[in-house]
């Protein structure tokens, strides 16, 4: 393995390690967002029906 390949491998490993916490944070954020969205939809079903009809046109 050349010196350049070793450096690229080490850099990739560092990026992967740094990405792990971000991935967990992003998943937590999306879970909260989806839960809030579902709650908003169930709170006003008439508004959701209007949106669906508007999209069909």
N, C-alpha and C. Protein backbone atom coordinates (compact mmCIF):
# COMPACT_ATOMS: atom_id res chain seq x y z
N UNK A 1 0.86 -1.18 0.00
CA UNK A 1 0.00 0.00 0.00
C UNK A 1 0.91 1.24 0.00
N UNK A 2 0.64 2.13 -0.91
CA UNK A 2 1.47 3.33 -1.01
C UNK A 2 1.18 4.30 0.14
N UNK A 3 2.04 5.26 0.31
CA UNK A 3 1.87 6.27 1.36
C UNK A 3 0.58 7.06 1.15
N UNK A 4 0.28 7.36 -0.12
CA UNK A 4 -0.95 8.10 -0.43
C UNK A 4 -2.18 7.29 -0.03
N UNK A 5 -2.19 6.00 -0.33
CA UNK A 5 -3.31 5.13 0.02
C UNK A 5 -3.48 5.03 1.53
N UNK A 6 -2.36 4.97 2.27
CA UNK A 6 -2.43 4.92 3.73
C UNK A 6 -3.05 6.19 4.28
N UNK A 7 -2.66 7.34 3.75
CA UNK A 7 -3.19 8.61 4.20
C UNK A 7 -4.69 8.70 3.91
N UNK A 8 -5.09 8.25 2.72
CA UNK A 8 -6.50 8.28 2.35
C UNK A 8 -7.32 7.37 3.25
N UNK A 9 -6.77 6.20 3.57
CA UNK A 9 -7.46 5.25 4.44
C UNK A 9 -7.62 5.83 5.83
N UNK A 10 -6.56 6.45 6.36
CA UNK A 10 -6.62 7.06 7.69
C UNK A 10 -7.62 8.22 7.70
N UNK A 11 -7.62 9.00 6.64
CA UNK A 11 -8.55 10.13 6.56
C UNK A 11 -9.99 9.63 6.50
N UNK A 12 -10.22 8.59 5.72
CA UNK A 12 -11.56 8.02 5.63
C UNK A 12 -12.01 7.46 6.98
N UNK A 13 -11.11 6.78 7.69
CA UNK A 13 -11.44 6.24 9.00
C UNK A 13 -11.82 7.37 9.96
N UNK A 14 -11.10 8.47 9.91
CA UNK A 14 -11.40 9.62 10.78
C UNK A 14 -12.78 10.20 10.44
N UNK A 15 -13.07 10.32 9.16
CA UNK A 15 -14.37 10.85 8.73
C UNK A 15 -15.50 9.93 9.22
N UNK A 16 -15.29 8.64 9.09
CA UNK A 16 -16.31 7.68 9.53
C UNK A 16 -16.54 7.78 11.03
N UNK A 17 -15.47 7.91 11.81
CA UNK A 17 -15.59 8.05 13.26
C UNK A 17 -16.33 9.32 13.62
N UNK A 18 -16.03 10.40 12.93
CA UNK A 18 -16.69 11.68 13.20
C UNK A 18 -18.17 11.64 12.81
N UNK A 19 -18.51 10.84 11.82
CA UNK A 19 -19.88 10.79 11.31
C UNK A 19 -20.82 10.02 12.24
N UNK A 20 -20.31 9.12 13.04
CA UNK A 20 -21.17 8.30 13.89
C UNK A 20 -22.02 9.14 14.84
N UNK A 21 -21.45 10.06 15.63
CA UNK A 21 -22.30 10.86 16.52
C UNK A 21 -23.30 11.72 15.75
N UNK A 22 -22.89 12.23 14.61
CA UNK A 22 -23.78 13.04 13.79
C UNK A 22 -24.97 12.21 13.33
N UNK A 23 -24.72 10.97 12.95
CA UNK A 23 -25.79 10.09 12.51
C UNK A 23 -26.83 9.87 13.59
N UNK A 24 -26.37 9.67 14.82
CA UNK A 24 -27.29 9.47 15.93
C UNK A 24 -28.10 10.74 16.18
N UNK A 25 -27.44 11.88 16.10
CA UNK A 25 -28.14 13.15 16.31
C UNK A 25 -29.18 13.37 15.23
N UNK A 26 -28.80 13.08 13.99
CA UNK A 26 -29.73 13.27 12.88
C UNK A 26 -30.94 12.35 13.02
N UNK A 27 -30.70 11.11 13.45
CA UNK A 27 -31.82 10.19 13.63
C UNK A 27 -32.74 10.66 14.75
N UNK A 28 -32.16 11.17 15.83
CA UNK A 28 -32.98 11.69 16.93
C UNK A 28 -33.81 12.87 16.46
N UNK A 29 -33.19 13.76 15.70
CA UNK A 29 -33.90 14.93 15.18
C UNK A 29 -35.05 14.49 14.28
N UNK A 30 -34.78 13.57 13.36
CA UNK A 30 -35.81 13.13 12.43
C UNK A 30 -36.94 12.41 13.17
N UNK A 31 -36.62 11.63 14.19
CA UNK A 31 -37.66 10.95 14.96
C UNK A 31 -38.58 11.97 15.62
N UNK A 32 -38.00 13.02 16.19
CA UNK A 32 -38.79 14.07 16.81
C UNK A 32 -39.64 14.82 15.79
N UNK A 33 -39.04 15.08 14.63
CA UNK A 33 -39.75 15.79 13.57
C UNK A 33 -40.95 14.96 13.08
N UNK A 34 -40.73 13.68 12.85
CA UNK A 34 -41.81 12.80 12.37
C UNK A 34 -42.91 12.70 13.41
N UNK A 35 -42.54 12.59 14.68
CA UNK A 35 -43.55 12.51 15.73
C UNK A 35 -44.37 13.79 15.77
N UNK A 36 -43.72 14.93 15.69
CA UNK A 36 -44.44 16.21 15.68
C UNK A 36 -45.35 16.34 14.47
N UNK A 37 -44.87 15.88 13.33
CA UNK A 37 -45.67 15.94 12.10
C UNK A 37 -46.92 15.07 12.22
N UNK A 38 -46.75 13.88 12.76
CA UNK A 38 -47.90 12.99 12.94
C UNK A 38 -48.91 13.59 13.91
N UNK A 39 -48.42 14.20 14.99
CA UNK A 39 -49.32 14.83 15.95
C UNK A 39 -50.08 15.99 15.30
N UNK A 40 -49.40 16.75 14.47
CA UNK A 40 -50.04 17.88 13.79
C UNK A 40 -51.11 17.38 12.83
N UNK A 41 -50.86 16.29 12.14
CA UNK A 41 -51.85 15.74 11.21
C UNK A 41 -53.07 15.23 11.96
N UNK A 42 -52.88 14.55 13.07
CA UNK A 42 -54.01 13.99 13.82
C UNK A 42 -54.79 15.09 14.53
N UNK A 43 -54.18 16.24 14.77
CA UNK A 43 -54.86 17.33 15.47
C UNK A 43 -55.90 18.01 14.58
N UNK A 44 -55.67 18.07 13.27
CA UNK A 44 -56.58 18.78 12.37
C UNK A 44 -56.78 17.98 11.08
N UNK A 45 -57.55 16.91 11.12
CA UNK A 45 -57.74 16.08 9.93
C UNK A 45 -58.44 16.81 8.78
N UNK A 46 -59.28 17.80 9.06
CA UNK A 46 -59.96 18.52 7.98
C UNK A 46 -58.95 19.28 7.13
N UNK A 47 -57.94 19.84 7.77
CA UNK A 47 -56.91 20.58 7.03
C UNK A 47 -56.13 19.64 6.12
N UNK A 48 -55.86 18.42 6.58
CA UNK A 48 -55.13 17.46 5.76
C UNK A 48 -55.94 17.04 4.54
N UNK A 49 -57.26 16.91 4.69
CA UNK A 49 -58.11 16.54 3.56
C UNK A 49 -58.06 17.63 2.50
N UNK A 50 -58.07 18.88 2.92
CA UNK A 50 -57.98 19.99 1.98
C UNK A 50 -56.68 19.96 1.21
N UNK A 51 -55.60 19.64 1.87
CA UNK A 51 -54.30 19.57 1.20
C UNK A 51 -54.30 18.45 0.16
N UNK A 52 -54.88 17.31 0.50
CA UNK A 52 -54.89 16.19 -0.42
C UNK A 52 -55.69 16.54 -1.68
N UNK A 53 -56.83 17.20 -1.51
CA UNK A 53 -57.62 17.58 -2.67
C UNK A 53 -56.88 18.58 -3.53
N UNK A 54 -56.15 19.49 -2.89
CA UNK A 54 -55.38 20.48 -3.63
C UNK A 54 -54.27 19.86 -4.44
N UNK A 55 -53.68 18.80 -3.93
CA UNK A 55 -52.59 18.11 -4.64
C UNK A 55 -53.10 17.33 -5.83
N UNK A 56 -54.33 16.89 -5.80
CA UNK A 56 -54.86 16.09 -6.90
C UNK A 56 -55.16 16.92 -8.13
N UNK A 57 -55.38 18.20 -7.96
CA UNK A 57 -55.76 19.05 -9.10
C UNK A 57 -54.64 19.23 -10.08
